[in-house]
């Protein structure tokens, strides 16, 4: 099996600074007006709230001493784990595959040496879908929402059945509505192969699928934000 981390033309090569993949979150914050996920540059794309003032602010304490305090903003990630998932995927992608006794034994019937990337990504995706529901339905009493989330606990039912109940749509239709229909095709393929992997076909997660997950990580991230803003923001 090939080392899938050899592709030299990936989106992450253009990341600034330390180039951590967690930087996919670092350019975003939550709009104080409409609760959309917005960038720091320019106005909010949803409510047109003006650009942020980035200059440090002068703060005076009770003794009259003045301090220059840099401007700070809350992050757009839902939890610290959002960064962890991305950094776990990054670490696994960069891991050198010298020898894998398990895969060597399975030979052509085994998964990609970096199959964990697909598993980690799908777990990360499921957490963001739950966040989408909880943020969009935050006005519903917690007990009712928690019960609904238990009833529709499987990711397939959340993307389709519960999505219709909550939004009279599906996640597929929402992706198409925000101009990212191709992301649904990508997600559907991942889900199909991940399920096959879990039901006795380890070879379903191959190098090609692993590479596709990494190649599309940024565009999938941006597509989810677009759907989040459509469903969560106060227009």
C-alpha atoms as a PDB file:
ATOM      1  CA  UNK A   1       0.000   0.000   0.000  1.00  0.00           C
ATOM      2  CA  UNK A   2       1.222   3.480  -0.831  1.00  0.00           C
ATOM      3  CA  UNK A   3       2.022   6.296   1.570  1.00  0.00           C
ATOM      4  CA  UNK A   4      -0.987   8.548   0.943  1.00  0.00           C
ATOM      5  CA  UNK A   5       0.727  11.621   2.421  1.00  0.00           C
ATOM      6  CA  UNK A   6       2.881  12.137  -0.650  1.00  0.00           C
ATOM      7  CA  UNK A   7       0.527  14.484  -2.549  1.00  0.00           C
ATOM      8  CA  UNK A   8       2.444  17.802  -2.869  1.00  0.00           C
ATOM      9  CA  UNK A   9      -0.436  20.086  -3.946  1.00  0.00           C
ATOM     10  CA  UNK A  10      -2.772  20.215  -0.980  1.00  0.00           C
ATOM     11  CA  UNK A  11      -4.698  23.151   0.499  1.00  0.00           C
ATOM     12  CA  UNK A  12      -2.720  22.977   3.744  1.00  0.00           C
ATOM     13  CA  UNK A  13       0.485  23.972   1.945  1.00  0.00           C
ATOM     14  CA  UNK A  14      -0.950  27.505   1.754  1.00  0.00           C
ATOM     15  CA  UNK A  15      -1.743  27.834   5.457  1.00  0.00           C
ATOM     16  CA  UNK A  16       0.099  30.724   7.145  1.00  0.00           C
ATOM     17  CA  UNK A  17       2.221  30.616  10.254  1.00  0.00           C
ATOM     18  CA  UNK A  18       2.750  27.281  11.929  1.00  0.00           C
ATOM     19  CA  UNK A  19       0.397  25.637   9.406  1.00  0.00           C
ATOM     20  CA  UNK A  20      -1.584  23.656  11.955  1.00  0.00           C
ATOM     21  CA  UNK A  21      -4.758  22.298  10.397  1.00  0.00           C
ATOM     22  CA  UNK A  22      -6.613  23.740  13.364  1.00  0.00           C
ATOM     23  CA  UNK A  23      -6.187  27.057  11.554  1.00  0.00           C
ATOM     24  CA  UNK A  24      -9.328  26.157   9.631  1.00  0.00           C
ATOM     25  CA  UNK A  25     -11.091  27.702  12.648  1.00  0.00           C
ATOM     26  CA  UNK A  26      -8.712  30.552  13.386  1.00  0.00           C
ATOM     27  CA  UNK A  27     -10.007  33.027  10.785  1.00  0.00           C
ATOM     28  CA  UNK A  28     -13.579  32.841  12.106  1.00  0.00           C
ATOM     29  CA  UNK A  29     -15.573  34.220  15.012  1.00  0.00           C
ATOM     30  CA  UNK A  30     -19.247  34.445  16.013  1.00  0.00           C
ATOM     31  CA  UNK A  31     -21.124  37.546  14.891  1.00  0.00           C
ATOM     32  CA  UNK A  32     -22.414  39.481  17.892  1.00  0.00           C
ATOM     33  CA  UNK A  33     -25.511  40.557  15.994  1.00  0.00           C
ATOM     34  CA  UNK A  34     -26.847  37.512  14.172  1.00  0.00           C
ATOM     35  CA  UNK A  35     -24.804  34.607  15.652  1.00  0.00           C
ATOM     36  CA  UNK A  36     -23.485  33.595  12.241  1.00  0.00           C
ATOM     37  CA  UNK A  37     -19.939  32.321  11.828  1.00  0.00           C
ATOM     38  CA  UNK A  38     -18.094  35.181  10.172  1.00  0.00           C
ATOM     39  CA  UNK A  39     -14.540  36.087   9.235  1.00  0.00           C
ATOM     40  CA  UNK A  40     -12.595  38.826  10.966  1.00  0.00           C
ATOM     41  CA  UNK A  41     -12.109  40.673   7.687  1.00  0.00           C
ATOM     42  CA  UNK A  42     -14.938  42.731   6.213  1.00  0.00           C
ATOM     43  CA  UNK A  43     -18.598  42.899   7.211  1.00  0.00           C
ATOM     44  CA  UNK A  44     -20.681  39.918   8.300  1.00  0.00           C
ATOM     45  CA  UNK A  45     -21.866  38.113   5.188  1.00  0.00           C
ATOM     46  CA  UNK A  46     -25.254  37.376   6.786  1.00  0.00           C
ATOM     47  CA  UNK A  47     -26.344  40.592   8.542  1.00  0.00           C
ATOM     48  CA  UNK A  48     -23.728  43.044   7.195  1.00  0.00           C
ATOM     49  CA  UNK A  49     -22.555  43.966  10.673  1.00  0.00           C
ATOM     50  CA  UNK A  50     -19.587  46.354  10.153  1.00  0.00           C
ATOM     51  CA  UNK A  51     -15.955  45.205  10.182  1.00  0.00           C
ATOM     52  CA  UNK A  52     -14.311  44.799  13.554  1.00  0.00           C
ATOM     53  CA  UNK A  53     -12.100  47.473  15.049  1.00  0.00           C
ATOM     54  CA  UNK A  54      -8.766  45.721  15.360  1.00  0.00           C
ATOM     55  CA  UNK A  55      -6.804  48.476  17.118  1.00  0.00           C
ATOM     56  CA  UNK A  56      -5.741  47.882  20.749  1.00  0.00           C
ATOM     57  CA  UNK A  57      -7.929  49.606  23.337  1.00  0.00           C
ATOM     58  CA  UNK A  58      -6.759  51.813  26.222  1.00  0.00           C
ATOM     59  CA  UNK A  59      -8.090  50.572  29.577  1.00  0.00           C
ATOM     60  CA  UNK A  60      -7.767  52.543  32.841  1.00  0.00           C
ATOM     61  CA  UNK A  61      -7.774  50.752  36.205  1.00  0.00           C
ATOM     62  CA  UNK A  62      -9.146  52.059  39.509  1.00  0.00           C
ATOM     63  CA  UNK A  63      -5.842  53.790  40.267  1.00  0.00           C
ATOM     64  CA  UNK A  64      -5.813  55.716  37.006  1.00  0.00           C
ATOM     65  CA  UNK A  65      -3.135  53.590  35.361  1.00  0.00           C
ATOM     66  CA  UNK A  66      -3.639  53.067  31.660  1.00  0.00           C
ATOM     67  CA  UNK A  67      -2.987  49.816  29.826  1.00  0.00           C
ATOM     68  CA  UNK A  68      -3.014  49.040  26.122  1.00  0.00           C
ATOM     69  CA  UNK A  69      -5.074  45.872  25.671  1.00  0.00           C
ATOM     70  CA  UNK A  70      -5.070  43.971  22.363  1.00  0.00           C
ATOM     71  CA  UNK A  71      -8.447  43.283  20.812  1.00  0.00           C
ATOM     72  CA  UNK A  72      -9.718  39.758  21.518  1.00  0.00           C
ATOM     73  CA  UNK A  73     -12.561  37.772  19.971  1.00  0.00           C
ATOM     74  CA  UNK A  74     -14.272  34.496  20.772  1.00  0.00           C
ATOM     75  CA  UNK A  75     -13.521  31.591  18.488  1.00  0.00           C
ATOM     76  CA  UNK A  76     -16.113  30.127  16.131  1.00  0.00           C
ATOM     77  CA  UNK A  77     -15.419  26.526  17.107  1.00  0.00           C
ATOM     78  CA  UNK A  78     -18.049  24.862  19.218  1.00  0.00           C
ATOM     79  CA  UNK A  79     -15.643  23.102  21.559  1.00  0.00           C
ATOM     80  CA  UNK A  80     -11.937  22.669  22.119  1.00  0.00           C
ATOM     81  CA  UNK A  81     -12.377  19.224  20.575  1.00  0.00           C
ATOM     82  CA  UNK A  82     -12.983  20.851  17.177  1.00  0.00           C
ATOM     83  CA  UNK A  83      -9.304  21.769  17.114  1.00  0.00           C
ATOM     84  CA  UNK A  84      -8.297  18.375  18.457  1.00  0.00           C
ATOM     85  CA  UNK A  85     -10.101  16.473  15.704  1.00  0.00           C
ATOM     86  CA  UNK A  86      -8.359  18.488  12.989  1.00  0.00           C
ATOM     87  CA  UNK A  87      -4.966  18.106  14.614  1.00  0.00           C
ATOM     88  CA  UNK A  88      -5.528  14.348  15.016  1.00  0.00           C
ATOM     89  CA  UNK A  89      -6.286  14.078  11.297  1.00  0.00           C
ATOM     90  CA  UNK A  90      -3.200  16.140  10.526  1.00  0.00           C
ATOM     91  CA  UNK A  91      -0.981  14.010  12.749  1.00  0.00           C
ATOM     92  CA  UNK A  92      -2.245  10.781  11.187  1.00  0.00           C
ATOM     93  CA  UNK A  93      -1.801  12.155   7.658  1.00  0.00           C
ATOM     94  CA  UNK A  94       1.808  13.128   8.340  1.00  0.00           C
ATOM     95  CA  UNK A  95       2.651   9.857  10.085  1.00  0.00           C
ATOM     96  CA  UNK A  96       5.239   7.841   8.190  1.00  0.00           C
ATOM     97  CA  UNK A  97       4.132   4.361   7.225  1.00  0.00           C
ATOM     98  CA  UNK A  98       7.267   2.271   7.518  1.00  0.00           C
ATOM     99  CA  UNK A  99       5.831  -1.079   8.477  1.00  0.00           C
ATOM    100  CA  UNK A 100       2.413  -2.214   9.577  1.00  0.00           C
ATOM    101  CA  UNK A 101       2.281  -5.848  10.643  1.00  0.00           C
ATOM    102  CA  UNK A 102      -1.508  -5.983  10.657  1.00  0.00           C
ATOM    103  CA  UNK A 103      -1.838  -4.574   7.163  1.00  0.00           C
ATOM    104  CA  UNK A 104       1.051  -6.689   5.987  1.00  0.00           C
ATOM    105  CA  UNK A 105      -0.822  -9.762   7.145  1.00  0.00           C
ATOM    106  CA  UNK A 106      -4.070  -8.711   5.514  1.00  0.00           C
ATOM    107  CA  UNK A 107      -2.318  -7.610   2.316  1.00  0.00           C
ATOM    108  CA  UNK A 108      -4.882  -6.593  -0.323  1.00  0.00           C
ATOM    109  CA  UNK A 109      -7.825  -7.280   2.002  1.00  0.00           C
ATOM    110  CA  UNK A 110      -6.772  -4.659   4.514  1.00  0.00           C
ATOM    111  CA  UNK A 111      -7.634  -0.974   4.863  1.00  0.00           C
ATOM    112  CA  UNK A 112      -5.375   1.936   4.057  1.00  0.00           C
ATOM    113  CA  UNK A 113      -2.537   2.374   6.568  1.00  0.00           C
ATOM    114  CA  UNK A 114      -4.140   5.736   7.324  1.00  0.00           C
ATOM    115  CA  UNK A 115      -7.740   4.506   7.552  1.00  0.00           C
ATOM    116  CA  UNK A 116      -8.043   6.173  10.960  1.00  0.00           C
ATOM    117  CA  UNK A 117      -8.314   9.517   9.135  1.00  0.00           C
ATOM    118  CA  UNK A 118     -11.706   8.539   7.740  1.00  0.00           C
ATOM    119  CA  UNK A 119     -12.950   7.311  11.126  1.00  0.00           C
ATOM    120  CA  UNK A 120     -11.771  10.467  12.892  1.00  0.00           C
ATOM    121  CA  UNK A 121     -13.242  12.727  10.224  1.00  0.00           C
ATOM    122  CA  UNK A 122     -16.635  11.054  10.385  1.00  0.00           C
ATOM    123  CA  UNK A 123     -16.751  11.380  14.169  1.00  0.00           C
ATOM    124  CA  UNK A 124     -15.865  15.061  13.781  1.00  0.00           C
ATOM    125  CA  UNK A 125     -18.584  15.508  11.149  1.00  0.00           C
ATOM    126  CA  UNK A 126     -21.208  13.934  13.414  1.00  0.00           C
ATOM    127  CA  UNK A 127     -20.344  16.324  16.258  1.00  0.00           C
ATOM    128  CA  UNK A 128     -20.795  19.306  13.948  1.00  0.00           C
ATOM    129  CA  UNK A 129     -24.178  18.061  12.767  1.00  0.00           C
ATOM    130  CA  UNK A 130     -25.272  17.795  16.400  1.00  0.00           C
ATOM    131  CA  UNK A 131     -24.023  21.329  17.000  1.00  0.00           C
ATOM    132  CA  UNK A 132     -26.024  22.532  13.989  1.00  0.00           C
ATOM    133  CA  UNK A 133     -29.243  21.115  15.437  1.00  0.00           C
ATOM    134  CA  UNK A 134     -28.637  22.330  18.966  1.00  0.00           C
ATOM    135  CA  UNK A 135     -27.779  25.866  17.867  1.00  0.00           C
ATOM    136  CA  UNK A 136     -30.615  26.137  15.335  1.00  0.00           C
ATOM    137  CA  UNK A 137     -33.198  24.729  17.789  1.00  0.00           C
ATOM    138  CA  UNK A 138     -31.866  26.486  20.875  1.00  0.00           C
ATOM    139  CA  UNK A 139     -35.267  28.100  21.616  1.00  0.00           C
ATOM    140  CA  UNK A 140     -36.873  24.675  22.092  1.00  0.00           C
ATOM    141  CA  UNK A 141     -36.996  23.479  25.724  1.00  0.00           C
ATOM    142  CA  UNK A 142     -33.915  21.408  26.492  1.00  0.00           C
ATOM    143  CA  UNK A 143     -35.885  18.326  27.522  1.00  0.00           C
ATOM    144  CA  UNK A 144     -37.795  18.197  24.245  1.00  0.00           C
ATOM    145  CA  UNK A 145     -34.662  18.760  22.173  1.00  0.00           C
ATOM    146  CA  UNK A 146     -32.676  16.123  24.083  1.00  0.00           C
ATOM    147  CA  UNK A 147     -35.484  13.612  23.604  1.00  0.00           C
ATOM    148  CA  UNK A 148     -35.586  14.327  19.863  1.00  0.00           C
ATOM    149  CA  UNK A 149     -31.817  13.945  19.596  1.00  0.00           C
ATOM    150  CA  UNK A 150     -32.095  10.551  21.300  1.00  0.00           C
ATOM    151  CA  UNK A 151     -34.887   9.460  18.988  1.00  0.00           C
ATOM    152  CA  UNK A 152     -32.846  10.473  15.960  1.00  0.00           C
ATOM    153  CA  UNK A 153     -29.455   9.369  17.236  1.00  0.00           C
ATOM    154  CA  UNK A 154     -28.159   7.772  14.019  1.00  0.00           C
ATOM    155  CA  UNK A 155     -26.389  10.156  11.664  1.00  0.00           C
ATOM    156  CA  UNK A 156     -28.435   8.960   8.679  1.00  0.00           C
ATOM    157  CA  UNK A 157     -31.717   9.798  10.387  1.00  0.00           C
ATOM    158  CA  UNK A 158     -30.369  13.180  11.479  1.00  0.00           C
ATOM    159  CA  UNK A 159     -29.290  14.144   7.971  1.00  0.00           C
ATOM    160  CA  UNK A 160     -32.662  13.135   6.525  1.00  0.00           C
ATOM    161  CA  UNK A 161     -35.622  12.371   8.832  1.00  0.00           C
ATOM    162  CA  UNK A 162     -34.873  14.740  11.714  1.00  0.00           C
ATOM    163  CA  UNK A 163     -33.660  17.364   9.268  1.00  0.00           C
ATOM    164  CA  UNK A 164     -37.093  17.277   7.583  1.00  0.00           C
ATOM    165  CA  UNK A 165     -38.843  17.581  10.947  1.00  0.00           C
ATOM    166  CA  UNK A 166     -36.669  20.495  12.058  1.00  0.00           C
ATOM    167  CA  UNK A 167     -36.149  22.401   8.799  1.00  0.00           C
ATOM    168  CA  UNK A 168     -38.485  20.894   6.178  1.00  0.00           C
ATOM    169  CA  UNK A 169     -35.379  19.996   4.180  1.00  0.00           C
ATOM    170  CA  UNK A 170     -32.424  17.602   4.203  1.00  0.00           C
ATOM    171  CA  UNK A 171     -28.738  18.251   4.704  1.00  0.00           C
ATOM    172  CA  UNK A 172     -28.236  17.312   1.049  1.00  0.00           C
ATOM    173  CA  UNK A 173     -30.724  19.958  -0.090  1.00  0.00           C
ATOM    174  CA  UNK A 174     -29.185  22.576   2.196  1.00  0.00           C
ATOM    175  CA  UNK A 175     -25.715  21.907   0.776  1.00  0.00           C
ATOM    176  CA  UNK A 176     -27.125  22.324  -2.706  1.00  0.00           C
ATOM    177  CA  UNK A 177     -28.885  25.538  -1.651  1.00  0.00           C
ATOM    178  CA  UNK A 178     -25.588  27.096  -0.500  1.00  0.00           C
ATOM    179  CA  UNK A 179     -23.752  26.023  -3.653  1.00  0.00           C
ATOM    180  CA  UNK A 180     -21.934  22.982  -2.239  1.00  0.00           C
ATOM    181  CA  UNK A 181     -23.870  20.099  -3.711  1.00  0.00           C
ATOM    182  CA  UNK A 182     -20.633  18.275  -4.565  1.00  0.00           C
ATOM    183  CA  UNK A 183     -19.837  18.053  -0.855  1.00  0.00           C
ATOM    184  CA  UNK A 184     -22.903  15.867  -0.337  1.00  0.00           C
ATOM    185  CA  UNK A 185     -21.646  13.415  -2.957  1.00  0.00           C
ATOM    186  CA  UNK A 186     -18.334  13.318  -1.091  1.00  0.00           C
ATOM    187  CA  UNK A 187     -20.011  12.779   2.302  1.00  0.00           C
ATOM    188  CA  UNK A 188     -22.309  10.075   0.972  1.00  0.00           C
ATOM    189  CA  UNK A 189     -19.310   8.158  -0.361  1.00  0.00           C
ATOM    190  CA  UNK A 190     -17.503   8.430   2.971  1.00  0.00           C
ATOM    191  CA  UNK A 191     -20.563   7.215   4.855  1.00  0.00           C
ATOM    192  CA  UNK A 192     -21.044   4.249   2.525  1.00  0.00           C
ATOM    193  CA  UNK A 193     -17.422   3.127   2.766  1.00  0.00           C
ATOM    194  CA  UNK A 194     -17.248   3.732   6.502  1.00  0.00           C
ATOM    195  CA  UNK A 195     -20.334   1.550   7.000  1.00  0.00           C
ATOM    196  CA  UNK A 196     -18.825  -1.173   4.829  1.00  0.00           C
ATOM    197  CA  UNK A 197     -15.656  -0.972   6.903  1.00  0.00           C
ATOM    198  CA  UNK A 198     -17.706  -1.419  10.080  1.00  0.00           C
ATOM    199  CA  UNK A 199     -19.541  -4.452   8.679  1.00  0.00           C
ATOM    200  CA  UNK A 200     -16.742  -6.743   7.636  1.00  0.00           C
ATOM    201  CA  UNK A 201     -15.105  -5.032   4.667  1.00  0.00           C
ATOM    202  CA  UNK A 202     -11.956  -3.351   6.010  1.00  0.00           C
ATOM    203  CA  UNK A 203     -10.647  -2.742   2.484  1.00  0.00           C
ATOM    204  CA  UNK A 204     -13.535  -0.294   1.926  1.00  0.00           C
ATOM    205  CA  UNK A 205     -11.398   2.467   3.459  1.00  0.00           C
ATOM    206  CA  UNK A 206      -8.600   2.574   0.916  1.00  0.00           C
ATOM    207  CA  UNK A 207      -5.897   5.103   0.062  1.00  0.00           C
ATOM    208  CA  UNK A 208      -8.149   6.825  -2.463  1.00  0.00           C
ATOM    209  CA  UNK A 209     -10.842   7.532   0.131  1.00  0.00           C
ATOM    210  CA  UNK A 210      -8.300   8.722   2.708  1.00  0.00           C
ATOM    211  CA  UNK A 211      -6.791  11.146   0.202  1.00  0.00           C
ATOM    212  CA  UNK A 212     -10.243  12.414  -0.789  1.00  0.00           C
ATOM    213  CA  UNK A 213     -11.067  13.167   2.854  1.00  0.00           C
ATOM    214  CA  UNK A 214      -7.907  15.231   3.283  1.00  0.00           C
ATOM    215  CA  UNK A 215      -8.178  16.961  -0.086  1.00  0.00           C
ATOM    216  CA  UNK A 216     -11.748  18.069   0.670  1.00  0.00           C
ATOM    217  CA  UNK A 217     -11.286  18.899   4.345  1.00  0.00           C
ATOM    218  CA  UNK A 218     -11.285  22.651   3.843  1.00  0.00           C
ATOM    219  CA  UNK A 219     -14.160  22.826   1.349  1.00  0.00           C
ATOM    220  CA  UNK A 220     -16.282  20.556   3.564  1.00  0.00           C
ATOM    221  CA  UNK A 221     -15.481  22.833   6.499  1.00  0.00           C
ATOM    222  CA  UNK A 222     -16.621  25.904   4.547  1.00  0.00           C
ATOM    223  CA  UNK A 223     -19.749  24.131   3.286  1.00  0.00           C
ATOM    224  CA  UNK A 224     -20.780  23.234   6.835  1.00  0.00           C
ATOM    225  CA  UNK A 225     -20.307  26.857   7.903  1.00  0.00           C
ATOM    226  CA  UNK A 226     -22.537  28.026   5.037  1.00  0.00           C
ATOM    227  CA  UNK A 227     -25.325  25.637   6.079  1.00  0.00           C
ATOM    228  CA  UNK A 228     -24.829  26.566   9.738  1.00  0.00           C
ATOM    229  CA  UNK A 229     -25.297  30.238   8.901  1.00  0.00           C
ATOM    230  CA  UNK A 230     -28.418  29.522   6.873  1.00  0.00           C
ATOM    231  CA  UNK A 231     -30.046  27.596   9.728  1.00  0.00           C
ATOM    232  CA  UNK A 232     -28.655  29.236  12.860  1.00  0.00           C
ATOM    233  CA  UNK A 233     -28.154  32.940  12.122  1.00  0.00           C
ATOM    234  CA  UNK A 234     -30.865  35.468  13.018  1.00  0.00           C
ATOM    235  CA  UNK A 235     -31.605  36.942   9.604  1.00  0.00           C
END
